[in-house]
N, C-alpha and C. Protein backbone atom coordinates (compact mmCIF):
# COMPACT_ATOMS: atom_id res chain seq x y z
N MET A 1 6.18 2.36 -17.08
CA MET A 1 5.81 3.14 -16.41
C MET A 1 6.84 4.43 -16.62
N SER A 2 6.53 5.77 -17.29
CA SER A 2 7.23 6.19 -16.97
C SER A 2 7.96 6.79 -15.91
N LEU A 3 8.02 6.78 -14.62
CA LEU A 3 8.46 7.42 -13.35
C LEU A 3 8.89 5.72 -13.25
N LYS A 4 9.70 5.52 -12.69
CA LYS A 4 10.94 4.35 -11.87
C LYS A 4 10.16 3.93 -11.06
N LEU A 5 9.74 2.24 -10.89
CA LEU A 5 9.43 1.65 -9.74
C LEU A 5 10.68 1.07 -9.08
N HIS A 6 10.28 0.76 -8.26
CA HIS A 6 11.24 0.54 -6.88
C HIS A 6 10.37 -0.26 -6.31
N VAL A 7 10.85 -1.95 -6.60
CA VAL A 7 9.80 -3.15 -5.59
C VAL A 7 10.97 -3.24 -3.99
N CYS A 8 10.81 -2.79 -3.14
CA CYS A 8 11.57 -3.35 -1.74
C CYS A 8 10.95 -3.80 -0.76
N PRO A 9 10.89 -5.26 -0.78
CA PRO A 9 9.95 -6.56 0.58
C PRO A 9 11.61 -6.28 1.36
N ALA A 10 10.43 -5.91 2.54
CA ALA A 10 11.09 -5.29 3.62
C ALA A 10 10.46 -5.60 4.75
N GLY A 11 10.96 -5.91 5.93
CA GLY A 11 10.40 -6.33 7.49
C GLY A 11 10.46 -7.84 7.23
N PRO A 12 10.16 -7.94 8.73
CA PRO A 12 9.81 -9.49 9.21
C PRO A 12 9.27 -10.81 8.01
N ILE A 13 8.30 -10.04 7.58
CA ILE A 13 7.17 -10.90 6.88
C ILE A 13 7.57 -10.79 5.05
N GLU A 14 8.81 -9.80 4.84
CA GLU A 14 9.06 -9.71 3.26
C GLU A 14 7.91 -8.65 2.55
N THR A 15 7.20 -7.77 3.27
CA THR A 15 6.19 -7.12 3.04
C THR A 15 6.59 -6.27 1.55
N ASN A 16 6.20 -5.93 0.20
CA ASN A 16 6.52 -4.75 -0.42
C ASN A 16 6.32 -3.92 -0.03
N ALA A 17 7.12 -3.04 -0.33
CA ALA A 17 7.25 -1.62 0.17
C ALA A 17 7.45 -0.98 -1.57
N TYR A 18 6.79 0.23 -1.79
CA TYR A 18 6.77 0.41 -3.42
C TYR A 18 7.33 1.87 -3.36
N LEU A 19 8.63 2.16 -3.98
CA LEU A 19 8.74 3.52 -4.16
C LEU A 19 9.26 3.85 -5.44
N LEU A 20 8.56 5.28 -5.87
CA LEU A 20 7.87 5.30 -6.78
C LEU A 20 9.05 7.08 -7.33
N THR A 21 9.38 6.78 -8.02
CA THR A 21 10.59 8.29 -8.18
C THR A 21 10.97 8.89 -9.83
N ASP A 22 10.87 10.00 -9.45
CA ASP A 22 11.08 11.01 -10.66
C ASP A 22 12.12 11.80 -10.79
N ALA A 23 13.47 11.52 -11.17
CA ALA A 23 14.40 12.42 -10.88
C ALA A 23 14.23 13.78 -11.78
N ALA A 24 13.53 13.99 -12.80
CA ALA A 24 13.11 14.71 -13.53
C ALA A 24 12.81 16.00 -12.55
N ARG A 25 11.67 15.32 -11.73
CA ARG A 25 11.16 16.13 -10.86
C ARG A 25 11.60 16.24 -10.12
N GLY A 26 12.36 15.26 -9.18
CA GLY A 26 13.62 15.18 -8.02
C GLY A 26 12.58 15.13 -6.80
N GLU A 27 11.47 14.37 -6.86
CA GLU A 27 10.30 13.90 -6.18
C GLU A 27 10.10 12.61 -6.47
N ALA A 28 9.73 12.00 -5.06
CA ALA A 28 9.34 10.54 -4.75
C ALA A 28 7.32 10.01 -3.63
N VAL A 29 7.43 9.12 -4.24
CA VAL A 29 6.19 8.33 -3.20
C VAL A 29 6.44 7.63 -3.13
N LEU A 30 6.70 7.00 -1.60
CA LEU A 30 6.51 5.98 -0.92
C LEU A 30 5.05 5.07 -0.75
N ILE A 31 4.95 3.88 -1.38
CA ILE A 31 4.36 3.17 -0.31
C ILE A 31 3.92 2.38 0.00
N ASP A 32 3.35 2.02 1.33
CA ASP A 32 3.71 1.15 2.42
C ASP A 32 4.86 1.23 2.47
N ALA A 33 5.36 1.02 4.69
CA ALA A 33 7.04 1.06 4.89
C ALA A 33 7.37 0.58 5.98
N PRO A 34 6.99 -1.15 5.10
CA PRO A 34 7.24 -1.92 5.87
C PRO A 34 8.54 -1.80 7.06
N GLY A 35 9.01 -2.46 8.32
CA GLY A 35 9.97 -2.71 9.10
C GLY A 35 11.08 -2.46 8.16
N ASP A 36 12.65 -1.30 8.74
CA ASP A 36 13.74 -0.79 8.51
C ASP A 36 13.65 -0.90 6.61
N VAL A 37 12.35 -0.32 6.37
CA VAL A 37 12.73 -0.58 5.00
C VAL A 37 13.40 0.96 4.24
N TRP A 38 13.16 2.35 5.35
CA TRP A 38 14.54 3.12 4.96
C TRP A 38 16.31 2.83 4.37
N ALA A 39 16.55 1.82 5.10
CA ALA A 39 17.64 1.52 4.62
C ALA A 39 17.57 0.99 3.22
N ASP A 40 16.64 0.49 2.75
CA ASP A 40 16.60 0.19 1.49
C ASP A 40 16.24 1.47 0.20
N ILE A 41 15.42 2.23 1.18
CA ILE A 41 15.32 3.47 0.05
C ILE A 41 16.08 4.35 0.06
N GLU A 42 16.75 4.87 1.53
CA GLU A 42 17.49 6.20 1.35
C GLU A 42 18.99 5.82 0.24
N PRO A 43 19.76 4.88 -0.10
CA PRO A 43 20.74 5.36 -0.97
C PRO A 43 19.44 5.46 -2.55
N VAL A 44 18.50 4.80 -2.12
CA VAL A 44 17.74 5.15 -3.96
C VAL A 44 17.15 6.62 -4.14
N LEU A 45 17.18 7.40 -3.09
CA LEU A 45 16.77 8.48 -3.17
C LEU A 45 18.24 9.23 -3.37
N LYS A 46 18.91 8.95 -2.73
CA LYS A 46 20.16 10.06 -2.89
C LYS A 46 20.75 9.59 -3.98
N ARG A 47 20.85 8.49 -4.97
CA ARG A 47 21.24 7.54 -6.39
C ARG A 47 20.73 8.86 -7.09
N GLU A 48 19.41 9.10 -7.16
CA GLU A 48 18.21 9.94 -7.84
C GLU A 48 18.01 11.03 -8.14
N GLY A 49 18.55 11.54 -6.58
CA GLY A 49 18.18 12.89 -6.49
C GLY A 49 16.90 13.32 -5.97
N CYS A 50 16.16 12.47 -5.49
CA CYS A 50 14.77 12.75 -5.45
C CYS A 50 14.34 12.80 -3.27
N ALA A 51 13.49 13.80 -3.24
CA ALA A 51 12.95 13.91 -2.04
C ALA A 51 11.87 13.22 -1.72
N LEU A 52 11.54 12.65 -1.39
CA LEU A 52 10.46 11.55 -0.61
C LEU A 52 9.60 13.13 -0.26
N LYS A 53 8.54 12.65 -0.72
CA LYS A 53 7.12 14.08 -0.58
C LYS A 53 5.81 13.30 -0.19
N GLU A 54 5.71 11.92 0.01
CA GLU A 54 4.45 11.40 0.53
C GLU A 54 4.84 10.10 0.40
N LEU A 55 4.38 9.59 1.93
CA LEU A 55 4.56 8.30 2.21
C LEU A 55 2.73 7.33 1.69
N TRP A 56 2.57 6.86 1.22
CA TRP A 56 0.63 5.94 1.39
C TRP A 56 0.76 4.81 2.02
N LEU A 57 -0.21 4.72 3.05
CA LEU A 57 -0.29 3.92 3.35
C LEU A 57 -1.82 2.80 2.82
N THR A 58 -1.97 1.83 2.35
CA THR A 58 -2.75 0.89 1.76
C THR A 58 -3.65 0.57 2.83
N HIS A 59 -3.18 -0.03 4.18
CA HIS A 59 -3.50 -0.12 5.57
C HIS A 59 -3.11 0.02 6.63
N GLY A 60 -3.68 -0.27 7.65
CA GLY A 60 -2.73 -0.48 8.66
C GLY A 60 -2.17 -1.45 9.61
N HIS A 61 -1.92 -2.40 9.05
CA HIS A 61 -1.66 -3.91 9.71
C HIS A 61 -0.02 -3.59 9.73
N TRP A 62 0.24 -4.16 10.72
CA TRP A 62 1.48 -3.90 11.62
C TRP A 62 3.02 -3.75 10.12
N ASP A 63 3.01 -4.65 9.36
CA ASP A 63 3.39 -5.01 8.74
C ASP A 63 3.76 -4.06 7.49
N HIS A 64 3.05 -3.39 7.66
CA HIS A 64 2.96 -2.33 6.38
C HIS A 64 3.34 -0.39 6.90
N MET A 65 2.81 -0.42 8.04
CA MET A 65 3.14 0.88 8.52
C MET A 65 4.75 0.65 9.90
N GLN A 66 4.88 -0.59 10.18
CA GLN A 66 6.03 -0.72 10.94
C GLN A 66 6.97 0.64 11.33
N GLY A 67 7.66 0.72 9.78
CA GLY A 67 9.03 1.95 9.30
C GLY A 67 8.68 3.26 8.87
N VAL A 68 7.14 3.22 9.03
CA VAL A 68 6.84 4.88 9.01
C VAL A 68 7.22 5.65 10.13
N ALA A 69 7.48 5.34 11.37
CA ALA A 69 7.93 6.42 11.99
C ALA A 69 9.32 7.21 11.74
N GLU A 70 10.47 5.94 11.24
CA GLU A 70 11.57 6.45 10.95
C GLU A 70 11.70 6.91 9.25
N VAL A 71 10.69 6.50 8.38
CA VAL A 71 11.06 7.03 7.20
C VAL A 71 10.56 8.81 7.43
N VAL A 72 9.58 9.07 7.89
CA VAL A 72 9.23 10.21 8.22
C VAL A 72 9.76 11.23 8.65
N ARG A 73 10.61 10.65 10.36
CA ARG A 73 12.02 11.21 10.77
C ARG A 73 12.80 11.82 9.56
N ALA A 74 13.06 10.63 9.38
CA ALA A 74 14.21 11.26 8.33
C ALA A 74 13.72 12.08 6.70
N THR A 75 12.32 12.13 6.23
CA THR A 75 11.99 12.82 5.01
C THR A 75 11.04 14.27 5.12
N GLY A 76 10.66 13.92 6.28
CA GLY A 76 9.28 14.30 6.46
C GLY A 76 7.81 14.40 5.75
N ALA A 77 8.31 13.30 5.07
CA ALA A 77 7.17 13.19 3.90
C ALA A 77 5.90 12.24 4.85
N LYS A 78 5.09 13.33 4.21
CA LYS A 78 3.35 13.47 4.56
C LYS A 78 2.68 12.23 4.12
N VAL A 79 1.89 11.97 5.01
CA VAL A 79 1.60 10.19 5.43
C VAL A 79 -0.06 10.66 5.19
N SER A 80 -0.58 9.14 3.85
CA SER A 80 -1.57 10.05 3.29
C SER A 80 -2.64 8.09 4.14
N ALA A 81 -3.58 8.04 4.74
CA ALA A 81 -4.07 6.36 5.00
C ALA A 81 -5.51 6.87 4.96
N HIS A 82 -6.79 5.51 5.28
CA HIS A 82 -8.01 5.82 5.44
C HIS A 82 -8.31 5.37 6.85
N PRO A 83 -9.96 6.45 7.04
CA PRO A 83 -9.69 7.27 8.55
C PRO A 83 -10.49 5.83 9.19
N ASP A 84 -10.80 4.71 8.34
CA ASP A 84 -10.97 2.92 8.94
C ASP A 84 -9.89 2.21 9.83
N ASP A 85 -8.81 2.81 9.36
CA ASP A 85 -7.28 1.67 10.22
C ASP A 85 -6.73 3.29 11.38
N LYS A 86 -7.47 4.16 11.61
CA LYS A 86 -7.02 5.31 12.39
C LYS A 86 -6.42 4.97 13.83
N VAL A 87 -7.71 3.66 14.28
CA VAL A 87 -7.00 3.00 15.69
C VAL A 87 -5.61 2.51 15.09
N LEU A 88 -5.58 1.41 14.45
CA LEU A 88 -4.64 0.86 14.33
C LEU A 88 -3.20 2.44 14.09
N LEU A 89 -3.52 2.62 13.43
CA LEU A 89 -2.21 3.62 13.09
C LEU A 89 -1.93 4.35 14.63
N GLU A 90 -3.02 4.95 15.02
CA GLU A 90 -2.82 5.67 16.52
C GLU A 90 -2.56 5.20 17.98
N THR A 91 -2.64 4.00 16.88
CA THR A 91 -2.26 2.79 18.83
C THR A 91 -2.55 1.98 18.63
N PRO A 92 -1.13 1.91 17.78
CA PRO A 92 -0.61 0.50 17.07
C PRO A 92 -0.88 -0.74 17.88
N GLY A 93 -0.37 -0.54 19.98
CA GLY A 93 -0.57 -1.21 20.24
C GLY A 93 -1.43 -2.57 20.21
N VAL A 94 -2.41 -2.39 19.94
CA VAL A 94 -3.21 -3.23 19.82
C VAL A 94 -2.87 -4.27 19.00
N MET A 95 -2.17 -3.85 18.23
CA MET A 95 -1.37 -5.05 17.29
C MET A 95 -0.75 -5.87 17.98
N GLU A 96 0.31 -5.50 18.67
CA GLU A 96 1.26 -6.07 19.70
C GLU A 96 1.05 -6.63 20.21
N VAL A 97 -0.02 -7.14 20.82
CA VAL A 97 -0.78 -8.31 21.99
C VAL A 97 0.01 -9.61 20.70
N PHE A 98 -0.29 -9.49 19.80
CA PHE A 98 -0.42 -10.15 18.66
C PHE A 98 0.85 -10.68 17.68
N LEU A 99 2.13 -10.25 18.19
CA LEU A 99 3.26 -10.32 17.43
C LEU A 99 4.40 -10.99 19.16
N PRO A 100 5.18 -10.92 18.12
CA PRO A 100 6.51 -11.32 18.65
C PRO A 100 6.66 -10.14 19.89
N SER A 101 7.34 -10.45 20.73
CA SER A 101 7.77 -8.97 21.76
C SER A 101 9.30 -8.17 21.16
N THR A 102 9.56 -9.09 20.49
CA THR A 102 10.33 -7.84 19.64
C THR A 102 10.59 -7.09 19.01
N ILE A 103 9.33 -7.27 18.08
CA ILE A 103 8.77 -6.33 17.50
C ILE A 103 7.60 -5.03 18.02
N LYS A 104 8.26 -3.51 17.95
CA LYS A 104 7.76 -3.04 18.95
C LYS A 104 7.29 -1.51 17.26
N LEU A 105 5.92 -1.06 17.91
CA LEU A 105 5.44 -0.11 16.43
C LEU A 105 4.82 1.19 16.99
N ALA A 106 5.35 2.29 16.67
CA ALA A 106 5.69 3.40 16.99
C ALA A 106 4.09 4.42 16.32
N PRO A 107 3.43 4.88 16.22
CA PRO A 107 2.02 5.38 15.95
C PRO A 107 2.47 5.99 15.03
N VAL A 108 2.04 6.30 14.12
CA VAL A 108 1.84 7.42 12.71
C VAL A 108 0.81 8.48 12.60
N ARG A 109 1.08 9.39 12.27
CA ARG A 109 0.62 10.78 12.88
C ARG A 109 0.16 10.80 11.18
N THR A 110 -0.98 10.65 11.26
CA THR A 110 -1.34 10.98 9.39
C THR A 110 -1.98 12.37 9.14
N ASP A 111 -1.27 12.76 8.06
CA ASP A 111 -1.42 14.36 7.38
C ASP A 111 -2.62 14.37 7.11
N ARG A 112 -3.07 13.65 6.29
CA ARG A 112 -4.41 13.14 5.06
C ARG A 112 -5.07 12.24 5.19
N TRP A 113 -6.49 12.35 5.24
CA TRP A 113 -7.76 11.29 5.09
C TRP A 113 -8.28 11.39 4.13
N LEU A 114 -8.13 9.57 3.27
CA LEU A 114 -8.52 9.50 1.69
C LEU A 114 -9.74 9.44 2.04
N ALA A 115 -10.16 9.07 1.02
CA ALA A 115 -11.81 8.84 0.92
C ALA A 115 -11.86 7.73 -0.37
N GLN A 116 -13.07 6.70 -1.12
CA GLN A 116 -13.26 6.18 -1.86
C GLN A 116 -13.77 7.58 -2.72
N GLY A 117 -12.62 7.35 -3.92
CA GLY A 117 -13.13 8.22 -4.84
C GLY A 117 -12.03 9.02 -5.36
N GLU A 118 -11.26 9.59 -4.51
CA GLU A 118 -10.75 10.97 -3.85
C GLU A 118 -9.56 10.48 -5.39
N ARG A 119 -9.24 11.93 -5.44
CA ARG A 119 -8.50 12.29 -6.17
C ARG A 119 -6.97 12.75 -6.28
N ILE A 120 -5.62 12.26 -6.39
CA ILE A 120 -4.79 12.68 -5.91
C ILE A 120 -3.58 13.47 -6.79
N GLU A 121 -2.79 14.58 -7.13
CA GLU A 121 -2.33 14.95 -7.82
C GLU A 121 -0.13 14.64 -6.76
N ALA A 122 0.38 13.76 -7.71
CA ALA A 122 1.83 13.72 -7.45
C ALA A 122 2.15 12.46 -8.16
N LEU A 123 3.49 13.36 -8.30
CA LEU A 123 4.56 12.81 -9.76
C LEU A 123 3.95 13.44 -10.86
N GLY A 124 3.78 14.51 -10.85
CA GLY A 124 2.94 14.70 -12.31
C GLY A 124 1.46 13.88 -12.85
N LEU A 125 1.13 13.03 -11.90
CA LEU A 125 0.62 12.62 -12.53
C LEU A 125 -1.00 11.76 -11.82
N ALA A 126 -2.23 11.50 -12.18
CA ALA A 126 -3.42 11.81 -11.32
C ALA A 126 -3.78 10.12 -10.61
N TRP A 127 -3.92 10.53 -9.37
CA TRP A 127 -3.84 8.72 -8.60
C TRP A 127 -5.19 9.11 -8.36
N GLU A 128 -5.87 7.37 -8.68
CA GLU A 128 -7.82 7.74 -8.03
C GLU A 128 -7.17 6.78 -6.81
N VAL A 129 -8.14 6.70 -6.01
CA VAL A 129 -7.58 6.34 -4.12
C VAL A 129 -9.27 5.25 -4.67
N ARG A 130 -9.22 3.85 -4.15
CA ARG A 130 -10.07 2.88 -3.83
C ARG A 130 -10.71 2.30 -2.92
N HIS A 131 -11.63 2.28 -2.50
CA HIS A 131 -11.77 1.40 -0.91
C HIS A 131 -11.76 -0.06 -0.80
N VAL A 132 -11.04 -0.80 -0.28
CA VAL A 132 -11.35 -2.20 -0.36
C VAL A 132 -11.20 -2.80 0.82
N PRO A 133 -12.47 -2.47 1.27
CA PRO A 133 -12.16 -3.29 2.65
C PRO A 133 -12.10 -4.87 2.42
N GLY A 134 -11.86 -5.72 4.06
CA GLY A 134 -12.37 -6.90 4.00
C GLY A 134 -11.48 -8.07 4.81
N HIS A 135 -10.40 -7.30 3.62
CA HIS A 135 -8.65 -7.46 4.08
C HIS A 135 -8.41 -6.81 5.51
N CYS A 136 -8.71 -5.68 5.73
CA CYS A 136 -8.71 -4.84 6.91
C CYS A 136 -9.61 -3.48 6.52
N PRO A 137 -10.08 -2.91 7.46
CA PRO A 137 -10.94 -2.22 7.12
C PRO A 137 -11.04 -0.63 6.36
N GLY A 138 -9.60 0.06 6.28
CA GLY A 138 -9.23 0.33 5.94
C GLY A 138 -8.34 0.31 4.91
N SER A 139 -8.70 -0.58 4.18
CA SER A 139 -7.83 -0.81 3.34
C SER A 139 -7.98 0.06 1.77
N VAL A 140 -6.87 0.37 1.00
CA VAL A 140 -7.83 1.46 -0.18
C VAL A 140 -6.19 0.97 -1.26
N LEU A 141 -6.74 0.69 -2.41
CA LEU A 141 -5.34 0.90 -3.94
C LEU A 141 -5.64 1.72 -4.30
N PHE A 142 -4.16 2.24 -4.79
CA PHE A 142 -3.98 3.44 -5.64
C PHE A 142 -3.95 3.17 -7.20
N TRP A 143 -4.65 4.24 -7.34
CA TRP A 143 -4.93 3.96 -9.18
C TRP A 143 -4.21 4.35 -10.06
N CYS A 144 -3.15 4.63 -11.20
CA CYS A 144 -2.97 5.45 -12.19
C CYS A 144 -3.10 4.85 -12.68
N GLU A 145 -4.03 5.97 -13.84
CA GLU A 145 -5.06 4.99 -15.42
C GLU A 145 -3.96 5.58 -16.85
N THR A 146 -3.12 6.26 -16.36
CA THR A 146 -2.24 6.65 -17.45
C THR A 146 -0.95 5.83 -17.60
N GLU A 147 -0.70 5.56 -16.08
CA GLU A 147 0.47 4.42 -16.34
C GLU A 147 -0.21 2.75 -15.99
N GLY A 148 -1.34 2.97 -16.03
CA GLY A 148 -1.75 1.04 -16.01
C GLY A 148 -0.82 0.37 -15.53
N VAL A 149 -1.15 1.37 -13.49
CA VAL A 149 -0.46 0.08 -12.41
C VAL A 149 -1.76 0.83 -11.64
N ALA A 150 -1.57 -0.19 -10.44
CA ALA A 150 -2.95 -0.33 -9.07
C ALA A 150 -1.75 -0.75 -8.05
N PHE A 151 -1.75 -0.08 -6.92
CA PHE A 151 -0.95 -0.84 -5.88
C PHE A 151 -2.31 -1.10 -4.32
N CYS A 152 -2.33 -2.35 -4.73
CA CYS A 152 -3.14 -3.08 -3.78
C CYS A 152 -3.26 -3.19 -2.38
N GLY A 153 -2.23 -3.50 -2.09
CA GLY A 153 -1.99 -3.59 -0.45
C GLY A 153 -2.28 -5.39 -1.02
N ASP A 154 -2.47 -5.48 0.62
CA ASP A 154 -3.59 -7.13 0.59
C ASP A 154 -4.67 -7.36 0.32
N ALA A 155 -5.45 -6.58 -0.46
CA ALA A 155 -6.68 -7.11 -1.08
C ALA A 155 -6.36 -7.99 -1.98
N ILE A 156 -6.28 -8.51 -3.13
CA ILE A 156 -5.63 -9.44 -3.97
C ILE A 156 -4.69 -9.38 -3.74
N PHE A 157 -3.48 -10.74 -4.15
CA PHE A 157 -2.44 -11.52 -4.95
C PHE A 157 -2.72 -11.95 -6.27
N ASN A 158 -0.94 -12.54 -6.16
CA ASN A 158 -1.23 -13.24 -7.83
C ASN A 158 -1.20 -14.73 -7.60
N GLY A 159 -3.07 -14.90 -7.67
CA GLY A 159 -3.65 -16.27 -7.16
C GLY A 159 -4.55 -15.88 -6.35
N GLY A 160 -4.63 -15.14 -5.23
CA GLY A 160 -4.93 -15.28 -3.90
C GLY A 160 -5.58 -13.58 -3.51
N VAL A 161 -5.98 -13.97 -2.22
CA VAL A 161 -6.42 -12.87 -1.49
C VAL A 161 -6.28 -12.71 -0.23
N GLY A 162 -6.32 -11.37 0.51
CA GLY A 162 -5.63 -10.92 1.81
C GLY A 162 -6.51 -12.15 2.68
N ARG A 163 -5.84 -12.10 3.87
CA ARG A 163 -6.55 -12.94 4.63
C ARG A 163 -7.92 -12.08 5.70
N THR A 164 -9.33 -13.31 5.32
CA THR A 164 -10.17 -12.35 6.35
C THR A 164 -10.36 -12.28 7.86
N ASP A 165 -9.45 -13.58 8.63
CA ASP A 165 -9.64 -13.94 10.10
C ASP A 165 -8.80 -13.18 11.22
N PHE A 166 -8.34 -11.59 10.25
CA PHE A 166 -8.03 -10.10 11.51
C PHE A 166 -9.08 -9.77 11.99
N PRO A 167 -9.39 -9.07 13.07
CA PRO A 167 -10.24 -8.36 13.57
C PRO A 167 -10.74 -7.08 12.09
N GLY A 168 -11.97 -6.78 12.03
CA GLY A 168 -12.04 -6.23 11.10
C GLY A 168 -12.39 -6.91 9.83
N GLY A 169 -12.03 -7.85 9.64
CA GLY A 169 -11.80 -9.01 8.38
C GLY A 169 -13.25 -9.76 7.83
N SER A 170 -13.45 -9.14 6.50
CA SER A 170 -14.48 -10.27 6.20
C SER A 170 -14.98 -10.87 4.56
N MET A 171 -14.71 -11.98 4.33
CA MET A 171 -14.85 -12.61 3.22
C MET A 171 -15.96 -12.06 1.91
N ALA A 172 -17.09 -11.91 2.99
CA ALA A 172 -17.61 -11.11 1.76
C ALA A 172 -17.72 -10.17 1.09
N MET A 173 -17.45 -9.24 2.40
CA MET A 173 -16.83 -7.42 2.21
C MET A 173 -15.72 -7.51 1.55
N LEU A 174 -14.25 -8.86 0.94
CA LEU A 174 -13.60 -8.22 0.19
C LEU A 174 -14.12 -9.23 -0.91
N GLU A 175 -14.62 -10.31 -0.62
CA GLU A 175 -15.16 -10.09 -2.66
C GLU A 175 -15.88 -9.12 -3.32
N LYS A 176 -16.96 -8.44 -2.41
CA LYS A 176 -17.58 -7.30 -2.76
C LYS A 176 -16.39 -6.25 -3.46
N SER A 177 -15.42 -5.98 -2.75
CA SER A 177 -14.47 -5.25 -2.78
C SER A 177 -13.43 -5.65 -4.53
N ILE A 178 -13.03 -6.47 -4.37
CA ILE A 178 -12.49 -6.98 -5.70
C ILE A 178 -13.32 -6.98 -6.89
N ARG A 179 -14.64 -7.51 -6.51
CA ARG A 179 -15.63 -7.66 -7.90
C ARG A 179 -15.61 -5.80 -8.81
N GLY A 180 -15.46 -5.00 -7.53
CA GLY A 180 -16.11 -3.96 -7.23
C GLY A 180 -15.80 -2.82 -7.83
N GLN A 181 -14.23 -3.36 -7.11
CA GLN A 181 -12.71 -1.31 -7.30
C GLN A 181 -11.84 -2.81 -8.05
N ILE A 182 -11.53 -3.72 -7.84
CA ILE A 182 -10.28 -4.09 -8.66
C ILE A 182 -10.51 -4.74 -9.98
N TYR A 183 -11.88 -5.86 -9.98
CA TYR A 183 -12.04 -6.50 -11.33
C TYR A 183 -12.67 -5.17 -12.39
N THR A 184 -13.08 -3.83 -11.97
CA THR A 184 -13.57 -2.75 -12.43
C THR A 184 -12.25 -2.29 -13.29
N LEU A 185 -11.42 -2.21 -12.89
CA LEU A 185 -10.36 -1.80 -13.05
C LEU A 185 -10.01 -2.18 -14.97
N PRO A 186 -9.34 -1.42 -15.64
CA PRO A 186 -9.14 -1.96 -16.98
C PRO A 186 -8.21 -3.57 -16.76
N ALA A 187 -8.57 -4.17 -17.72
CA ALA A 187 -8.19 -5.94 -17.62
C ALA A 187 -6.79 -5.74 -17.60
N ASP A 188 -6.25 -4.97 -18.94
CA ASP A 188 -4.52 -4.84 -18.56
C ASP A 188 -3.69 -4.40 -17.98
N THR A 189 -4.57 -3.53 -16.27
CA THR A 189 -4.17 -2.81 -15.51
C THR A 189 -3.11 -3.74 -14.44
N ARG A 190 -2.14 -3.41 -14.32
CA ARG A 190 -0.94 -4.35 -13.77
C ARG A 190 -1.07 -3.54 -12.31
N LEU A 191 -1.51 -5.08 -11.42
CA LEU A 191 -1.65 -4.91 -9.86
C LEU A 191 -0.66 -5.28 -9.00
N TYR A 192 0.14 -4.79 -8.12
CA TYR A 192 1.24 -4.68 -7.23
C TYR A 192 0.37 -4.49 -5.43
N PRO A 193 0.58 -6.40 -5.04
CA PRO A 193 0.08 -6.33 -4.17
C PRO A 193 1.51 -6.03 -3.10
N GLY A 194 0.41 -6.55 -1.89
CA GLY A 194 1.70 -6.15 -0.54
C GLY A 194 2.44 -7.47 -0.04
N HIS A 195 2.00 -8.45 -1.09
CA HIS A 195 3.33 -9.62 -0.74
C HIS A 195 3.39 -10.54 -2.44
N GLY A 196 4.27 -11.01 -2.44
CA GLY A 196 5.02 -10.94 -3.71
C GLY A 196 4.85 -10.94 -4.84
N ASP A 197 4.72 -11.04 -6.34
CA ASP A 197 4.95 -11.22 -7.69
C ASP A 197 3.51 -10.30 -7.95
N ALA A 198 4.02 -9.38 -8.47
CA ALA A 198 2.69 -8.60 -9.65
C ALA A 198 2.01 -9.32 -10.11
N THR A 199 0.72 -8.66 -10.39
CA THR A 199 0.03 -9.36 -11.69
C THR A 199 -1.05 -8.88 -12.07
N THR A 200 -2.01 -8.87 -13.02
CA THR A 200 -2.67 -8.78 -13.96
C THR A 200 -4.77 -8.41 -13.31
N VAL A 201 -5.04 -7.71 -13.69
CA VAL A 201 -6.53 -7.26 -13.69
C VAL A 201 -7.01 -8.93 -14.37
N ALA A 202 -6.89 -8.76 -15.49
CA ALA A 202 -6.86 -9.86 -16.21
C ALA A 202 -7.15 -11.29 -15.91
N ALA A 203 -5.24 -11.38 -15.44
CA ALA A 203 -4.76 -12.59 -14.56
C ALA A 203 -6.14 -12.97 -14.30
N GLU A 204 -5.83 -12.43 -12.87
CA GLU A 204 -6.92 -12.56 -11.83
C GLU A 204 -8.69 -12.70 -11.86
N ARG A 205 -8.91 -12.00 -13.02
CA ARG A 205 -10.17 -12.27 -13.21
C ARG A 205 -10.40 -14.07 -14.20
N ALA A 206 -9.60 -14.56 -14.13
CA ALA A 206 -9.90 -15.43 -15.32
C ALA A 206 -8.77 -16.77 -14.69
N GLY A 207 -8.33 -16.37 -12.91
CA GLY A 207 -7.86 -18.07 -12.67
C GLY A 207 -7.89 -17.68 -11.44
N ASN A 208 -8.32 -16.00 -10.43
CA ASN A 208 -8.30 -16.38 -9.29
C ASN A 208 -8.80 -17.20 -7.98
N PRO A 209 -8.02 -18.27 -7.53
CA PRO A 209 -9.39 -19.32 -7.52
C PRO A 209 -10.35 -18.96 -6.22
N PHE A 210 -10.31 -17.66 -5.71
CA PHE A 210 -10.70 -17.43 -4.31
C PHE A 210 -11.85 -16.42 -5.02
N VAL A 211 -11.46 -15.54 -5.88
CA VAL A 211 -12.70 -14.24 -6.40
C VAL A 211 -12.93 -14.65 -7.89
N ARG A 212 -13.34 -15.43 -8.36
CA ARG A 212 -13.99 -15.75 -10.09
C ARG A 212 -14.76 -14.56 -10.59
N GLY A 213 -14.06 -14.21 -11.75
CA GLY A 213 -14.36 -13.00 -12.32
C GLY A 213 -15.28 -13.42 -13.19
């Protein structure tokens, strides 16, 4: 990659946040914001002299949005998400009933609602939004063709796929999303998931036991 990628697992279940920095431009983008992620990314931003301009959410589940409010207060970053997760983001109390009482969630104010196939210009690069529901209604991935990377949240993992037993989940829908929106990416595209290690489209097409290529 021409920009720097910082993988920042954070929060109670080690959810991956991805900080993309471009020191030459003095700008950064954060993909997902698990709890307490600000403590990890603040020193990186200072060290590289970057201002966090945008925060992109792959979906609205609590472990990906728990740290949004803190990050936005500190940076003023603009938040982007898919409208199918509006309820989760704006009224996160619907998720708290399933969580330990120690976990509290603040509502997220979204500045831009994303759509399937939308193009975003950020860090001097073109990004494509792909809607990949199944794990969560508003799941999206962010693909940069020139850099050969896609940040896919919990739609697919290295050798696995996201759970579909949460409200709004559907294995049939997730399989359709993976086949139509992930396996159609170039084979050498590197996939960065919401949990665990990175993988590639080729590796998952060939060996993912849940959705065969």
